[in-house]
mmCIF file of all heavy atoms, coordinates in Angstrom:
data_MODEL
# 
_entry.id   MODEL 
# 
loop_
_atom_site.group_PDB 
_atom_site.id 
_atom_site.type_symbol 
_atom_site.label_atom_id 
_atom_site.label_alt_id 
_atom_site.label_comp_id 
_atom_site.label_asym_id 
_atom_site.label_entity_id 
_atom_site.label_seq_id 
_atom_site.pdbx_PDB_ins_code 
_atom_site.Cartn_x 
_atom_site.Cartn_y 
_atom_site.Cartn_z 
_atom_site.occupancy 
_atom_site.B_iso_or_equiv 
_atom_site.pdbx_formal_charge 
_atom_site.auth_seq_id 
_atom_site.auth_comp_id 
_atom_site.auth_asym_id 
_atom_site.auth_atom_id 
_atom_site.pdbx_PDB_model_num 
ATOM 1   N N   . PRO A 1 1  ? 7.652   -8.385  16.390  1.00 0.00 ? 1  PRO A N   1 
ATOM 2   C CA  . PRO A 1 1  ? 6.738   -7.459  15.923  1.00 0.00 ? 1  PRO A CA  1 
ATOM 3   C C   . PRO A 1 1  ? 7.176   -6.630  14.743  1.00 0.00 ? 1  PRO A C   1 
ATOM 4   O O   . PRO A 1 1  ? 6.387   -6.280  13.828  1.00 0.00 ? 1  PRO A O   1 
ATOM 5   C CB  . PRO A 1 1  ? 6.246   -6.650  17.082  1.00 0.00 ? 1  PRO A CB  1 
ATOM 6   C CG  . PRO A 1 1  ? 6.508   -7.605  18.236  1.00 0.00 ? 1  PRO A CG  1 
ATOM 7   C CD  . PRO A 1 1  ? 7.795   -8.341  17.893  1.00 0.00 ? 1  PRO A CD  1 
ATOM 8   N N   . ARG A 1 2  ? 8.462   -6.132  14.826  1.00 0.00 ? 2  ARG A N   1 
ATOM 9   C CA  . ARG A 1 2  ? 8.849   -5.181  13.803  1.00 0.00 ? 2  ARG A CA  1 
ATOM 10  C C   . ARG A 1 2  ? 8.896   -5.761  12.341  1.00 0.00 ? 2  ARG A C   1 
ATOM 11  O O   . ARG A 1 2  ? 8.884   -5.057  11.387  1.00 0.00 ? 2  ARG A O   1 
ATOM 12  C CB  . ARG A 1 2  ? 10.247  -4.602  14.190  1.00 0.00 ? 2  ARG A CB  1 
ATOM 13  C CG  . ARG A 1 2  ? 11.372  -5.637  14.076  1.00 0.00 ? 2  ARG A CG  1 
ATOM 14  C CD  . ARG A 1 2  ? 12.682  -4.913  14.175  1.00 0.00 ? 2  ARG A CD  1 
ATOM 15  N NE  . ARG A 1 2  ? 13.793  -5.824  14.278  1.00 0.00 ? 2  ARG A NE  1 
ATOM 16  C CZ  . ARG A 1 2  ? 14.616  -6.105  15.265  1.00 0.00 ? 2  ARG A CZ  1 
ATOM 17  N NH1 . ARG A 1 2  ? 14.268  -5.591  16.490  1.00 0.00 ? 2  ARG A NH1 1 
ATOM 18  N NH2 . ARG A 1 2  ? 15.586  -6.880  15.246  1.00 0.00 ? 2  ARG A NH2 1 
ATOM 19  N N   . GLU A 1 3  ? 8.858   -7.183  12.249  1.00 0.00 ? 3  GLU A N   1 
ATOM 20  C CA  . GLU A 1 3  ? 8.763   -7.812  10.894  1.00 0.00 ? 3  GLU A CA  1 
ATOM 21  C C   . GLU A 1 3  ? 7.440   -7.415  10.255  1.00 0.00 ? 3  GLU A C   1 
ATOM 22  O O   . GLU A 1 3  ? 7.334   -7.488  9.017   1.00 0.00 ? 3  GLU A O   1 
ATOM 23  C CB  . GLU A 1 3  ? 8.843   -9.359  11.099  1.00 0.00 ? 3  GLU A CB  1 
ATOM 24  C CG  . GLU A 1 3  ? 10.210  -9.829  11.621  1.00 0.00 ? 3  GLU A CG  1 
ATOM 25  C CD  . GLU A 1 3  ? 10.195  -11.233 11.868  1.00 0.00 ? 3  GLU A CD  1 
ATOM 26  O OE1 . GLU A 1 3  ? 9.192   -12.020 11.414  1.00 0.00 ? 3  GLU A OE1 1 
ATOM 27  O OE2 . GLU A 1 3  ? 11.231  -11.804 12.341  1.00 0.00 ? 3  GLU A OE2 1 
ATOM 28  N N   . LEU A 1 4  ? 6.430   -7.089  11.012  1.00 0.00 ? 4  LEU A N   1 
ATOM 29  C CA  . LEU A 1 4  ? 5.112   -6.657  10.439  1.00 0.00 ? 4  LEU A CA  1 
ATOM 30  C C   . LEU A 1 4  ? 5.190   -5.401  9.633   1.00 0.00 ? 4  LEU A C   1 
ATOM 31  O O   . LEU A 1 4  ? 4.236   -5.194  8.782   1.00 0.00 ? 4  LEU A O   1 
ATOM 32  C CB  . LEU A 1 4  ? 4.042   -6.555  11.585  1.00 0.00 ? 4  LEU A CB  1 
ATOM 33  C CG  . LEU A 1 4  ? 3.812   -7.889  12.334  1.00 0.00 ? 4  LEU A CG  1 
ATOM 34  C CD1 . LEU A 1 4  ? 2.897   -7.527  13.539  1.00 0.00 ? 4  LEU A CD1 1 
ATOM 35  C CD2 . LEU A 1 4  ? 3.190   -8.966  11.502  1.00 0.00 ? 4  LEU A CD2 1 
ATOM 36  N N   . PHE A 1 5  ? 6.131   -4.563  9.923   1.00 0.00 ? 5  PHE A N   1 
ATOM 37  C CA  . PHE A 1 5  ? 6.188   -3.262  9.252   1.00 0.00 ? 5  PHE A CA  1 
ATOM 38  C C   . PHE A 1 5  ? 6.309   -3.541  7.730   1.00 0.00 ? 5  PHE A C   1 
ATOM 39  O O   . PHE A 1 5  ? 5.530   -2.932  6.973   1.00 0.00 ? 5  PHE A O   1 
ATOM 40  C CB  . PHE A 1 5  ? 7.336   -2.428  9.766   1.00 0.00 ? 5  PHE A CB  1 
ATOM 41  C CG  . PHE A 1 5  ? 7.461   -1.054  9.153   1.00 0.00 ? 5  PHE A CG  1 
ATOM 42  C CD1 . PHE A 1 5  ? 6.627   -0.109  9.475   1.00 0.00 ? 5  PHE A CD1 1 
ATOM 43  C CD2 . PHE A 1 5  ? 8.299   -0.879  8.135   1.00 0.00 ? 5  PHE A CD2 1 
ATOM 44  C CE1 . PHE A 1 5  ? 6.672   1.174   8.945   1.00 0.00 ? 5  PHE A CE1 1 
ATOM 45  C CE2 . PHE A 1 5  ? 8.454   0.405   7.455   1.00 0.00 ? 5  PHE A CE2 1 
ATOM 46  C CZ  . PHE A 1 5  ? 7.618   1.382   7.814   1.00 0.00 ? 5  PHE A CZ  1 
ATOM 47  N N   . SER A 1 6  ? 7.307   -4.373  7.405   1.00 0.00 ? 6  SER A N   1 
ATOM 48  C CA  . SER A 1 6  ? 7.532   -4.593  5.891   1.00 0.00 ? 6  SER A CA  1 
ATOM 49  C C   . SER A 1 6  ? 6.356   -5.442  5.298   1.00 0.00 ? 6  SER A C   1 
ATOM 50  O O   . SER A 1 6  ? 6.022   -5.342  4.117   1.00 0.00 ? 6  SER A O   1 
ATOM 51  C CB  . SER A 1 6  ? 8.821   -5.280  5.712   1.00 0.00 ? 6  SER A CB  1 
ATOM 52  O OG  . SER A 1 6  ? 8.958   -6.496  6.436   1.00 0.00 ? 6  SER A OG  1 
ATOM 53  N N   . THR A 1 7  ? 5.742   -6.220  6.224   1.00 0.00 ? 7  THR A N   1 
ATOM 54  C CA  . THR A 1 7  ? 4.631   -7.029  5.660   1.00 0.00 ? 7  THR A CA  1 
ATOM 55  C C   . THR A 1 7  ? 3.528   -6.119  5.222   1.00 0.00 ? 7  THR A C   1 
ATOM 56  O O   . THR A 1 7  ? 2.932   -6.348  4.121   1.00 0.00 ? 7  THR A O   1 
ATOM 57  C CB  . THR A 1 7  ? 4.057   -7.895  6.846   1.00 0.00 ? 7  THR A CB  1 
ATOM 58  O OG1 . THR A 1 7  ? 4.989   -8.907  7.199   1.00 0.00 ? 7  THR A OG1 1 
ATOM 59  C CG2 . THR A 1 7  ? 2.810   -8.718  6.403   1.00 0.00 ? 7  THR A CG2 1 
ATOM 60  N N   . TRP A 1 8  ? 3.180   -5.110  6.010   1.00 0.00 ? 8  TRP A N   1 
ATOM 61  C CA  . TRP A 1 8  ? 2.026   -4.301  5.645   1.00 0.00 ? 8  TRP A CA  1 
ATOM 62  C C   . TRP A 1 8  ? 2.474   -3.185  4.632   1.00 0.00 ? 8  TRP A C   1 
ATOM 63  O O   . TRP A 1 8  ? 1.605   -2.596  3.926   1.00 0.00 ? 8  TRP A O   1 
ATOM 64  C CB  . TRP A 1 8  ? 1.394   -3.680  6.906   1.00 0.00 ? 8  TRP A CB  1 
ATOM 65  C CG  . TRP A 1 8  ? 0.879   -4.730  7.811   1.00 0.00 ? 8  TRP A CG  1 
ATOM 66  C CD1 . TRP A 1 8  ? 1.209   -5.021  9.014   1.00 0.00 ? 8  TRP A CD1 1 
ATOM 67  C CD2 . TRP A 1 8  ? -0.091  -5.740  7.373   1.00 0.00 ? 8  TRP A CD2 1 
ATOM 68  N NE1 . TRP A 1 8  ? 0.456   -6.162  9.524   1.00 0.00 ? 8  TRP A NE1 1 
ATOM 69  C CE2 . TRP A 1 8  ? -0.308  -6.544  8.519   1.00 0.00 ? 8  TRP A CE2 1 
ATOM 70  C CE3 . TRP A 1 8  ? -0.832  -5.986  6.230   1.00 0.00 ? 8  TRP A CE3 1 
ATOM 71  C CZ2 . TRP A 1 8  ? -1.156  -7.625  8.506   1.00 0.00 ? 8  TRP A CZ2 1 
ATOM 72  C CZ3 . TRP A 1 8  ? -1.708  -7.210  6.252   1.00 0.00 ? 8  TRP A CZ3 1 
ATOM 73  C CH2 . TRP A 1 8  ? -1.861  -7.963  7.312   1.00 0.00 ? 8  TRP A CH2 1 
ATOM 74  N N   . VAL A 1 9  ? 3.749   -2.956  4.560   1.00 0.00 ? 9  VAL A N   1 
ATOM 75  C CA  . VAL A 1 9  ? 4.172   -2.094  3.441   1.00 0.00 ? 9  VAL A CA  1 
ATOM 76  C C   . VAL A 1 9  ? 3.891   -2.828  2.127   1.00 0.00 ? 9  VAL A C   1 
ATOM 77  O O   . VAL A 1 9  ? 3.281   -2.298  1.223   1.00 0.00 ? 9  VAL A O   1 
ATOM 78  C CB  . VAL A 1 9  ? 5.625   -1.705  3.497   1.00 0.00 ? 9  VAL A CB  1 
ATOM 79  C CG1 . VAL A 1 9  ? 6.237   -1.175  2.229   1.00 0.00 ? 9  VAL A CG1 1 
ATOM 80  C CG2 . VAL A 1 9  ? 5.949   -0.713  4.631   1.00 0.00 ? 9  VAL A CG2 1 
ATOM 81  N N   . ALA A 1 10 ? 4.441   -4.068  2.093   1.00 0.00 ? 10 ALA A N   1 
ATOM 82  C CA  . ALA A 1 10 ? 4.238   -4.883  0.789   1.00 0.00 ? 10 ALA A CA  1 
ATOM 83  C C   . ALA A 1 10 ? 2.827   -5.073  0.403   1.00 0.00 ? 10 ALA A C   1 
ATOM 84  O O   . ALA A 1 10 ? 2.433   -5.145  -0.665  1.00 0.00 ? 10 ALA A O   1 
ATOM 85  C CB  . ALA A 1 10 ? 4.925   -6.183  0.942   1.00 0.00 ? 10 ALA A CB  1 
ATOM 86  N N   . ALA A 1 11 ? 1.945   -5.275  1.422   1.00 0.00 ? 11 ALA A N   1 
ATOM 87  C CA  . ALA A 1 11 ? 0.563   -5.449  1.216   1.00 0.00 ? 11 ALA A CA  1 
ATOM 88  C C   . ALA A 1 11 ? -0.208  -4.268  0.533   1.00 0.00 ? 11 ALA A C   1 
ATOM 89  O O   . ALA A 1 11 ? -1.330  -4.395  0.057   1.00 0.00 ? 11 ALA A O   1 
ATOM 90  C CB  . ALA A 1 11 ? -0.156  -5.762  2.495   1.00 0.00 ? 11 ALA A CB  1 
ATOM 91  N N   . ASN A 1 12 ? 0.473   -3.211  0.371   1.00 0.00 ? 12 ASN A N   1 
ATOM 92  C CA  . ASN A 1 12 ? -0.097  -2.036  -0.218  1.00 0.00 ? 12 ASN A CA  1 
ATOM 93  C C   . ASN A 1 12 ? 0.581   -1.500  -1.410  1.00 0.00 ? 12 ASN A C   1 
ATOM 94  O O   . ASN A 1 12 ? 0.208   -0.374  -1.944  1.00 0.00 ? 12 ASN A O   1 
ATOM 95  C CB  . ASN A 1 12 ? -0.157  -0.884  0.846   1.00 0.00 ? 12 ASN A CB  1 
ATOM 96  C CG  . ASN A 1 12 ? -1.300  -1.192  1.867   1.00 0.00 ? 12 ASN A CG  1 
ATOM 97  O OD1 . ASN A 1 12 ? -2.535  -0.989  1.677   1.00 0.00 ? 12 ASN A OD1 1 
ATOM 98  N ND2 . ASN A 1 12 ? -0.922  -1.755  3.018   1.00 0.00 ? 12 ASN A ND2 1 
ATOM 99  N N   . ILE A 1 13 ? 1.643   -2.079  -1.957  1.00 0.00 ? 13 ILE A N   1 
ATOM 100 C CA  . ILE A 1 13 ? 2.344   -1.542  -3.079  1.00 0.00 ? 13 ILE A CA  1 
ATOM 101 C C   . ILE A 1 13 ? 1.496   -1.879  -4.333  1.00 0.00 ? 13 ILE A C   1 
ATOM 102 O O   . ILE A 1 13 ? 1.661   -2.875  -5.010  1.00 0.00 ? 13 ILE A O   1 
ATOM 103 C CB  . ILE A 1 13 ? 3.751   -2.273  -3.181  1.00 0.00 ? 13 ILE A CB  1 
ATOM 104 C CG1 . ILE A 1 13 ? 4.547   -1.882  -1.876  1.00 0.00 ? 13 ILE A CG1 1 
ATOM 105 C CG2 . ILE A 1 13 ? 4.500   -1.589  -4.435  1.00 0.00 ? 13 ILE A CG2 1 
ATOM 106 C CD1 . ILE A 1 13 ? 5.940   -2.541  -1.876  1.00 0.00 ? 13 ILE A CD1 1 
ATOM 107 N N   . SER A 1 14 ? 0.572   -1.060  -4.587  1.00 0.00 ? 14 SER A N   1 
ATOM 108 C CA  . SER A 1 14 ? -0.330  -1.339  -5.729  1.00 0.00 ? 14 SER A CA  1 
ATOM 109 C C   . SER A 1 14 ? -0.633  0.058   -6.476  1.00 0.00 ? 14 SER A C   1 
ATOM 110 O O   . SER A 1 14 ? -0.931  0.993   -5.838  1.00 0.00 ? 14 SER A O   1 
ATOM 111 C CB  . SER A 1 14 ? -1.703  -1.759  -5.236  1.00 0.00 ? 14 SER A CB  1 
ATOM 112 O OG  . SER A 1 14 ? -2.640  -1.771  -6.262  1.00 0.00 ? 14 SER A OG  1 
ATOM 113 N N   . VAL A 1 15 ? -0.467  0.052   -7.810  1.00 0.00 ? 15 VAL A N   1 
ATOM 114 C CA  . VAL A 1 15 ? -0.723  1.303   -8.567  1.00 0.00 ? 15 VAL A CA  1 
ATOM 115 C C   . VAL A 1 15 ? -2.163  1.636   -8.576  1.00 0.00 ? 15 VAL A C   1 
ATOM 116 O O   . VAL A 1 15 ? -2.547  2.763   -8.956  1.00 0.00 ? 15 VAL A O   1 
ATOM 117 C CB  . VAL A 1 15 ? -0.155  1.064   -9.936  1.00 0.00 ? 15 VAL A CB  1 
ATOM 118 C CG1 . VAL A 1 15 ? 1.224   0.864   -10.135 1.00 0.00 ? 15 VAL A CG1 1 
ATOM 119 C CG2 . VAL A 1 15 ? -0.939  -0.081  -10.688 1.00 0.00 ? 15 VAL A CG2 1 
ATOM 120 N N   . LEU A 1 16 ? -3.023  0.711   -8.154  1.00 0.00 ? 16 LEU A N   1 
ATOM 121 C CA  . LEU A 1 16 ? -4.443  1.093   -8.053  1.00 0.00 ? 16 LEU A CA  1 
ATOM 122 C C   . LEU A 1 16 ? -4.706  2.148   -7.006  1.00 0.00 ? 16 LEU A C   1 
ATOM 123 O O   . LEU A 1 16 ? -5.677  2.893   -7.121  1.00 0.00 ? 16 LEU A O   1 
ATOM 124 C CB  . LEU A 1 16 ? -5.283  -0.153  -7.671  1.00 0.00 ? 16 LEU A CB  1 
ATOM 125 C CG  . LEU A 1 16 ? -5.294  -1.284  -8.761  1.00 0.00 ? 16 LEU A CG  1 
ATOM 126 C CD1 . LEU A 1 16 ? -6.064  -2.446  -8.285  1.00 0.00 ? 16 LEU A CD1 1 
ATOM 127 C CD2 . LEU A 1 16 ? -5.923  -0.711  -10.077 1.00 0.00 ? 16 LEU A CD2 1 
ATOM 128 N N   . LEU A 1 17 ? -3.794  2.383   -6.067  1.00 0.00 ? 17 LEU A N   1 
ATOM 129 C CA  . LEU A 1 17 ? -3.894  3.446   -5.183  1.00 0.00 ? 17 LEU A CA  1 
ATOM 130 C C   . LEU A 1 17 ? -3.739  4.852   -5.839  1.00 0.00 ? 17 LEU A C   1 
ATOM 131 O O   . LEU A 1 17 ? -4.368  5.756   -5.458  1.00 0.00 ? 17 LEU A O   1 
ATOM 132 C CB  . LEU A 1 17 ? -2.888  3.328   -4.002  1.00 0.00 ? 17 LEU A CB  1 
ATOM 133 C CG  . LEU A 1 17 ? -3.151  2.290   -2.960  1.00 0.00 ? 17 LEU A CG  1 
ATOM 134 C CD1 . LEU A 1 17 ? -1.923  2.123   -2.042  1.00 0.00 ? 17 LEU A CD1 1 
ATOM 135 C CD2 . LEU A 1 17 ? -4.428  2.612   -2.099  1.00 0.00 ? 17 LEU A CD2 1 
ATOM 136 N N   . LEU A 1 18 ? -2.931  4.851   -6.894  1.00 0.00 ? 18 LEU A N   1 
ATOM 137 C CA  . LEU A 1 18 ? -2.807  6.059   -7.707  1.00 0.00 ? 18 LEU A CA  1 
ATOM 138 C C   . LEU A 1 18 ? -4.113  6.376   -8.327  1.00 0.00 ? 18 LEU A C   1 
ATOM 139 O O   . LEU A 1 18 ? -4.580  7.459   -8.357  1.00 0.00 ? 18 LEU A O   1 
ATOM 140 C CB  . LEU A 1 18 ? -1.641  5.860   -8.730  1.00 0.00 ? 18 LEU A CB  1 
ATOM 141 C CG  . LEU A 1 18 ? -0.218  5.727   -8.233  1.00 0.00 ? 18 LEU A CG  1 
ATOM 142 C CD1 . LEU A 1 18 ? 0.670   5.411   -9.425  1.00 0.00 ? 18 LEU A CD1 1 
ATOM 143 C CD2 . LEU A 1 18 ? 0.262   6.828   -7.416  1.00 0.00 ? 18 LEU A CD2 1 
ATOM 144 N N   . THR A 1 19 ? -4.685  5.353   -8.849  1.00 0.00 ? 19 THR A N   1 
ATOM 145 C CA  . THR A 1 19 ? -6.049  5.529   -9.627  1.00 0.00 ? 19 THR A CA  1 
ATOM 146 C C   . THR A 1 19 ? -7.084  6.029   -8.644  1.00 0.00 ? 19 THR A C   1 
ATOM 147 O O   . THR A 1 19 ? -7.913  6.864   -8.898  1.00 0.00 ? 19 THR A O   1 
ATOM 148 C CB  . THR A 1 19 ? -6.427  4.226   -10.257 1.00 0.00 ? 19 THR A CB  1 
ATOM 149 O OG1 . THR A 1 19 ? -5.424  3.848   -11.134 1.00 0.00 ? 19 THR A OG1 1 
ATOM 150 C CG2 . THR A 1 19 ? -7.706  4.385   -11.029 1.00 0.00 ? 19 THR A CG2 1 
ATOM 151 N N   . MET A 1 20 ? -7.109  5.321   -7.421  1.00 0.00 ? 20 MET A N   1 
ATOM 152 C CA  . MET A 1 20 ? -8.023  5.815   -6.391  1.00 0.00 ? 20 MET A CA  1 
ATOM 153 C C   . MET A 1 20 ? -7.865  7.253   -5.911  1.00 0.00 ? 20 MET A C   1 
ATOM 154 O O   . MET A 1 20 ? -8.730  8.066   -5.786  1.00 0.00 ? 20 MET A O   1 
ATOM 155 C CB  . MET A 1 20 ? -7.925  4.875   -5.237  1.00 0.00 ? 20 MET A CB  1 
ATOM 156 C CG  . MET A 1 20 ? -8.350  3.503   -5.616  1.00 0.00 ? 20 MET A CG  1 
ATOM 157 S SD  . MET A 1 20 ? -8.101  2.269   -4.129  1.00 0.00 ? 20 MET A SD  1 
ATOM 158 C CE  . MET A 1 20 ? -9.524  2.723   -3.190  1.00 0.00 ? 20 MET A CE  1 
ATOM 159 N N   . GLY A 1 21 ? -6.620  7.660   -5.907  1.00 0.00 ? 21 GLY A N   1 
ATOM 160 C CA  . GLY A 1 21 ? -6.315  9.038   -5.527  1.00 0.00 ? 21 GLY A CA  1 
ATOM 161 C C   . GLY A 1 21 ? -6.757  10.037  -6.646  1.00 0.00 ? 21 GLY A C   1 
ATOM 162 O O   . GLY A 1 21 ? -7.274  11.140  -6.329  1.00 0.00 ? 21 GLY A O   1 
ATOM 163 N N   . ALA A 1 22 ? -6.520  9.575   -7.819  1.00 0.00 ? 22 ALA A N   1 
ATOM 164 C CA  . ALA A 1 22 ? -7.000  10.387  -9.008  1.00 0.00 ? 22 ALA A CA  1 
ATOM 165 C C   . ALA A 1 22 ? -8.553  10.571  -9.028  1.00 0.00 ? 22 ALA A C   1 
ATOM 166 O O   . ALA A 1 22 ? -9.142  11.645  -9.326  1.00 0.00 ? 22 ALA A O   1 
ATOM 167 C CB  . ALA A 1 22 ? -6.624  9.769   -10.303 1.00 0.00 ? 22 ALA A CB  1 
ATOM 168 N N   . GLY A 1 23 ? -9.207  9.444   -8.667  1.00 0.00 ? 23 GLY A N   1 
ATOM 169 C CA  . GLY A 1 23 ? -10.605 9.412   -8.511  1.00 0.00 ? 23 GLY A CA  1 
ATOM 170 C C   . GLY A 1 23 ? -11.159 10.429  -7.500  1.00 0.00 ? 23 GLY A C   1 
ATOM 171 O O   . GLY A 1 23 ? -12.239 10.992  -7.668  1.00 0.00 ? 23 GLY A O   1 
ATOM 172 N N   . LEU A 1 24 ? -10.444 10.650  -6.389  1.00 0.00 ? 24 LEU A N   1 
ATOM 173 C CA  . LEU A 1 24 ? -10.870 11.555  -5.354  1.00 0.00 ? 24 LEU A CA  1 
ATOM 174 C C   . LEU A 1 24 ? -10.848 12.990  -5.922  1.00 0.00 ? 24 LEU A C   1 
ATOM 175 O O   . LEU A 1 24 ? -11.781 13.753  -5.533  1.00 0.00 ? 24 LEU A O   1 
ATOM 176 C CB  . LEU A 1 24 ? -9.929  11.528  -4.171  1.00 0.00 ? 24 LEU A CB  1 
ATOM 177 C CG  . LEU A 1 24 ? -9.897  10.183  -3.360  1.00 0.00 ? 24 LEU A CG  1 
ATOM 178 C CD1 . LEU A 1 24 ? -8.847  10.172  -2.317  1.00 0.00 ? 24 LEU A CD1 1 
ATOM 179 C CD2 . LEU A 1 24 ? -11.234 9.961   -2.684  1.00 0.00 ? 24 LEU A CD2 1 
# 
């Protein structure tokens, strides 16, 4: 199960999250 930690970290490494935070 602990392999899933890095899986879901990698699934979210997107600069678009920065843009979404700025939009808030």
